[in-house]
Amino acid sequence: MNPLDLEAEAGRTVEVNRADRWQVYLRLQQLDIPCVCTTNQPLRVQIQTTAAAVQLWSVVRQLTATRRELAFWLEQCWHLCSYTDEDPEKI
């Protein structure tokens, strides 16, 4: 996406550690989420859908959360999946 197009539309500035900013930018590009990352400037992201907002949150969380936090989150997801897979009559 052309940086000028993003500026004209309602882009959001995302504060990301300078070292992680490029990784976030590349992953958002892979997910087809419009964003701009220029030298010495904050990452600008255009969020058009709820799914894009969740994907942005997830990408940033993967880089900023501790290993322990990520492991806890994954464990909670497994518990949720195993709970919903149970026989409804047993619940």
N, C-alpha and C. Protein backbone atom coordinates (compact mmCIF):
# COMPACT_ATOMS: atom_id res chain seq x y z
N MET A 1 0.85 -1.18 0.00
CA MET A 1 0.00 0.00 0.00
C MET A 1 0.88 1.23 0.00
N ASN A 2 0.47 2.20 -0.73
CA ASN A 2 1.17 3.47 -0.81
C ASN A 2 1.04 4.21 0.52
N PRO A 3 2.14 4.67 1.12
CA PRO A 3 2.07 5.38 2.40
C PRO A 3 1.12 6.57 2.37
N LEU A 4 1.01 7.23 1.24
CA LEU A 4 0.11 8.38 1.16
C LEU A 4 -1.34 7.93 1.27
N ASP A 5 -1.67 6.76 0.73
CA ASP A 5 -3.04 6.24 0.84
C ASP A 5 -3.39 5.98 2.30
N LEU A 6 -2.47 5.41 3.05
CA LEU A 6 -2.74 5.11 4.45
C LEU A 6 -2.91 6.40 5.25
N GLU A 7 -2.13 7.41 4.94
CA GLU A 7 -2.25 8.67 5.65
C GLU A 7 -3.61 9.32 5.39
N ALA A 8 -4.12 9.18 4.17
CA ALA A 8 -5.39 9.79 3.82
C ALA A 8 -6.55 9.08 4.52
N GLU A 9 -6.39 7.78 4.78
CA GLU A 9 -7.43 7.02 5.44
C GLU A 9 -7.17 7.02 6.95
N ALA A 10 -8.07 6.43 7.70
CA ALA A 10 -7.97 6.44 9.16
C ALA A 10 -6.99 5.39 9.65
N GLY A 11 -5.70 5.70 9.58
CA GLY A 11 -4.69 4.79 10.10
C GLY A 11 -4.46 5.03 11.57
N ARG A 12 -4.04 4.01 12.27
CA ARG A 12 -3.75 4.11 13.70
C ARG A 12 -2.25 3.95 13.90
N THR A 13 -1.71 4.72 14.82
CA THR A 13 -0.30 4.58 15.17
C THR A 13 -0.19 3.52 16.24
N VAL A 14 0.72 2.58 16.02
CA VAL A 14 0.93 1.49 16.97
C VAL A 14 2.32 1.66 17.56
N GLU A 15 2.37 1.81 18.87
CA GLU A 15 3.66 1.94 19.54
C GLU A 15 4.24 0.55 19.78
N VAL A 16 5.30 0.26 19.06
CA VAL A 16 5.97 -1.03 19.16
C VAL A 16 7.45 -0.75 19.36
N ASN A 17 8.08 -1.56 20.18
CA ASN A 17 9.52 -1.46 20.39
C ASN A 17 10.21 -1.37 19.04
N ARG A 18 11.17 -0.49 18.94
CA ARG A 18 11.88 -0.27 17.68
C ARG A 18 12.46 -1.57 17.10
N ALA A 19 12.95 -2.45 17.96
CA ALA A 19 13.54 -3.72 17.51
C ALA A 19 12.48 -4.67 16.96
N ASP A 20 11.24 -4.58 17.46
CA ASP A 20 10.17 -5.48 17.05
C ASP A 20 9.32 -4.92 15.91
N ARG A 21 9.42 -3.64 15.68
CA ARG A 21 8.55 -2.97 14.72
C ARG A 21 8.59 -3.59 13.33
N TRP A 22 9.77 -3.92 12.85
CA TRP A 22 9.90 -4.48 11.50
C TRP A 22 9.25 -5.87 11.42
N GLN A 23 9.40 -6.69 12.47
CA GLN A 23 8.77 -8.01 12.48
C GLN A 23 7.25 -7.88 12.46
N VAL A 24 6.72 -6.94 13.23
CA VAL A 24 5.27 -6.71 13.25
C VAL A 24 4.82 -6.27 11.86
N TYR A 25 5.54 -5.34 11.27
CA TYR A 25 5.21 -4.84 9.93
C TYR A 25 5.17 -5.98 8.92
N LEU A 26 6.20 -6.80 8.90
CA LEU A 26 6.26 -7.90 7.93
C LEU A 26 5.11 -8.89 8.12
N ARG A 27 4.79 -9.22 9.38
CA ARG A 27 3.69 -10.16 9.63
C ARG A 27 2.35 -9.56 9.22
N LEU A 28 2.15 -8.29 9.49
CA LEU A 28 0.90 -7.64 9.07
C LEU A 28 0.78 -7.62 7.56
N GLN A 29 1.90 -7.42 6.87
CA GLN A 29 1.90 -7.48 5.41
C GLN A 29 1.46 -8.87 4.93
N GLN A 30 1.99 -9.92 5.58
CA GLN A 30 1.61 -11.29 5.23
C GLN A 30 0.12 -11.53 5.44
N LEU A 31 -0.45 -10.86 6.43
CA LEU A 31 -1.88 -11.01 6.74
C LEU A 31 -2.76 -10.06 5.92
N ASP A 32 -2.14 -9.32 4.99
CA ASP A 32 -2.85 -8.35 4.15
C ASP A 32 -3.54 -7.25 4.95
N ILE A 33 -2.90 -6.82 6.02
CA ILE A 33 -3.39 -5.69 6.81
C ILE A 33 -2.57 -4.47 6.40
N PRO A 34 -3.23 -3.46 5.84
CA PRO A 34 -2.50 -2.28 5.36
C PRO A 34 -1.72 -1.59 6.49
N CYS A 35 -0.42 -1.38 6.24
CA CYS A 35 0.42 -0.72 7.24
C CYS A 35 1.63 -0.09 6.56
N VAL A 36 2.24 0.85 7.27
CA VAL A 36 3.40 1.57 6.77
C VAL A 36 4.43 1.62 7.90
N CYS A 37 5.67 1.32 7.56
CA CYS A 37 6.76 1.38 8.54
C CYS A 37 7.94 2.07 7.87
N THR A 38 8.15 3.33 8.21
CA THR A 38 9.26 4.07 7.63
C THR A 38 10.32 4.33 8.70
N THR A 39 11.50 4.67 8.27
CA THR A 39 12.62 4.89 9.16
C THR A 39 12.31 5.97 10.18
N ASN A 40 12.61 5.67 11.45
CA ASN A 40 12.44 6.60 12.56
C ASN A 40 11.01 7.13 12.73
N GLN A 41 10.04 6.38 12.29
CA GLN A 41 8.63 6.75 12.43
C GLN A 41 7.89 5.58 13.07
N PRO A 42 6.79 5.85 13.77
CA PRO A 42 6.01 4.75 14.34
C PRO A 42 5.32 3.94 13.25
N LEU A 43 5.01 2.72 13.56
CA LEU A 43 4.27 1.85 12.66
C LEU A 43 2.84 2.38 12.55
N ARG A 44 2.35 2.53 11.33
CA ARG A 44 0.96 2.98 11.11
C ARG A 44 0.19 1.82 10.51
N VAL A 45 -0.96 1.51 11.11
CA VAL A 45 -1.76 0.36 10.70
C VAL A 45 -3.19 0.81 10.45
N GLN A 46 -3.78 0.30 9.38
CA GLN A 46 -5.18 0.60 9.10
C GLN A 46 -6.01 -0.62 9.50
N ILE A 47 -6.84 -0.43 10.50
CA ILE A 47 -7.70 -1.51 11.00
C ILE A 47 -9.10 -1.29 10.42
N GLN A 48 -9.51 -2.22 9.55
CA GLN A 48 -10.80 -2.09 8.89
C GLN A 48 -11.84 -3.05 9.45
N THR A 49 -11.39 -4.12 10.11
CA THR A 49 -12.32 -5.12 10.62
C THR A 49 -11.93 -5.54 12.03
N THR A 50 -12.86 -6.20 12.69
CA THR A 50 -12.56 -6.74 14.02
C THR A 50 -11.48 -7.80 13.92
N ALA A 51 -11.54 -8.62 12.88
CA ALA A 51 -10.53 -9.67 12.68
C ALA A 51 -9.13 -9.05 12.55
N ALA A 52 -9.02 -7.95 11.83
CA ALA A 52 -7.72 -7.28 11.68
C ALA A 52 -7.23 -6.75 13.03
N ALA A 53 -8.13 -6.25 13.86
CA ALA A 53 -7.75 -5.76 15.19
C ALA A 53 -7.23 -6.91 16.05
N VAL A 54 -7.90 -8.04 15.99
CA VAL A 54 -7.47 -9.21 16.77
C VAL A 54 -6.13 -9.72 16.25
N GLN A 55 -5.95 -9.73 14.93
CA GLN A 55 -4.68 -10.18 14.36
C GLN A 55 -3.54 -9.25 14.77
N LEU A 56 -3.78 -7.95 14.76
CA LEU A 56 -2.77 -7.00 15.21
C LEU A 56 -2.41 -7.26 16.67
N TRP A 57 -3.42 -7.42 17.51
CA TRP A 57 -3.19 -7.70 18.93
C TRP A 57 -2.36 -8.97 19.09
N SER A 58 -2.70 -10.01 18.33
CA SER A 58 -2.00 -11.28 18.44
C SER A 58 -0.54 -11.17 18.01
N VAL A 59 -0.30 -10.47 16.91
CA VAL A 59 1.07 -10.31 16.42
C VAL A 59 1.92 -9.55 17.44
N VAL A 60 1.39 -8.46 17.97
CA VAL A 60 2.14 -7.67 18.95
C VAL A 60 2.35 -8.47 20.23
N ARG A 61 1.32 -9.21 20.65
CA ARG A 61 1.42 -10.01 21.88
C ARG A 61 2.50 -11.09 21.76
N GLN A 62 2.61 -11.71 20.60
CA GLN A 62 3.62 -12.74 20.40
C GLN A 62 5.02 -12.21 20.63
N LEU A 63 5.23 -10.94 20.33
CA LEU A 63 6.56 -10.35 20.49
C LEU A 63 6.78 -9.69 21.84
N THR A 64 5.70 -9.32 22.53
CA THR A 64 5.86 -8.57 23.77
C THR A 64 5.58 -9.37 25.03
N ALA A 65 4.82 -10.45 24.91
CA ALA A 65 4.50 -11.25 26.09
C ALA A 65 5.69 -12.15 26.47
N THR A 66 5.77 -12.47 27.74
CA THR A 66 6.82 -13.38 28.18
C THR A 66 6.46 -14.80 27.76
N ARG A 67 7.43 -15.66 27.78
CA ARG A 67 7.19 -17.07 27.45
C ARG A 67 6.15 -17.65 28.40
N ARG A 68 6.25 -17.28 29.66
CA ARG A 68 5.30 -17.79 30.67
C ARG A 68 3.86 -17.36 30.36
N GLU A 69 3.70 -16.10 29.99
CA GLU A 69 2.37 -15.60 29.63
C GLU A 69 1.81 -16.33 28.41
N LEU A 70 2.65 -16.55 27.40
CA LEU A 70 2.20 -17.25 26.21
C LEU A 70 1.84 -18.70 26.50
N ALA A 71 2.63 -19.35 27.35
CA ALA A 71 2.34 -20.74 27.73
C ALA A 71 1.02 -20.81 28.50
N PHE A 72 0.79 -19.88 29.39
CA PHE A 72 -0.47 -19.84 30.14
C PHE A 72 -1.65 -19.64 29.19
N TRP A 73 -1.51 -18.71 28.25
CA TRP A 73 -2.57 -18.45 27.28
C TRP A 73 -2.88 -19.70 26.46
N LEU A 74 -1.86 -20.39 25.99
CA LEU A 74 -2.04 -21.61 25.22
C LEU A 74 -2.73 -22.69 26.05
N GLU A 75 -2.32 -22.82 27.29
CA GLU A 75 -2.94 -23.81 28.17
C GLU A 75 -4.42 -23.50 28.37
N GLN A 76 -4.76 -22.23 28.54
CA GLN A 76 -6.16 -21.86 28.69
C GLN A 76 -6.96 -22.19 27.43
N CYS A 77 -6.37 -22.01 26.27
CA CYS A 77 -7.04 -22.35 25.01
C CYS A 77 -7.28 -23.86 24.93
N TRP A 78 -6.30 -24.66 25.36
CA TRP A 78 -6.46 -26.11 25.34
C TRP A 78 -7.59 -26.53 26.27
N HIS A 79 -7.65 -25.92 27.45
CA HIS A 79 -8.72 -26.25 28.38
C HIS A 79 -10.09 -25.88 27.80
N LEU A 80 -10.15 -24.74 27.17
CA LEU A 80 -11.40 -24.31 26.56
C LEU A 80 -11.82 -25.28 25.45
N CYS A 81 -10.85 -25.70 24.62
CA CYS A 81 -11.16 -26.64 23.53
C CYS A 81 -11.61 -27.99 24.08
N SER A 82 -10.95 -28.48 25.10
CA SER A 82 -11.33 -29.79 25.64
C SER A 82 -12.68 -29.71 26.33
N TYR A 83 -13.02 -28.56 26.89
CA TYR A 83 -14.32 -28.37 27.54
C TYR A 83 -15.44 -28.38 26.49
N THR A 84 -15.22 -27.72 25.36
CA THR A 84 -16.26 -27.65 24.33
C THR A 84 -16.37 -28.94 23.53
N ASP A 85 -15.36 -29.81 23.57
CA ASP A 85 -15.40 -31.07 22.86
C ASP A 85 -16.09 -32.16 23.65
N GLU A 86 -16.36 -31.90 24.94
CA GLU A 86 -17.00 -32.91 25.76
C GLU A 86 -18.44 -33.15 25.36
N ASP A 87 -18.96 -34.29 25.73
CA ASP A 87 -20.35 -34.65 25.47
C ASP A 87 -21.25 -33.67 26.23
N PRO A 88 -22.17 -32.96 25.55
CA PRO A 88 -23.03 -31.97 26.21
C PRO A 88 -23.86 -32.57 27.34
N GLU A 89 -24.17 -33.86 27.27
CA GLU A 89 -24.98 -34.48 28.31
C GLU A 89 -24.19 -34.66 29.61
N LYS A 90 -22.85 -34.69 29.52
CA LYS A 90 -22.02 -34.85 30.69
C LYS A 90 -21.78 -33.52 31.40
N ILE A 91 -22.03 -32.44 30.72
CA ILE A 91 -21.76 -31.11 31.28
C ILE A 91 -22.88 -30.68 32.19
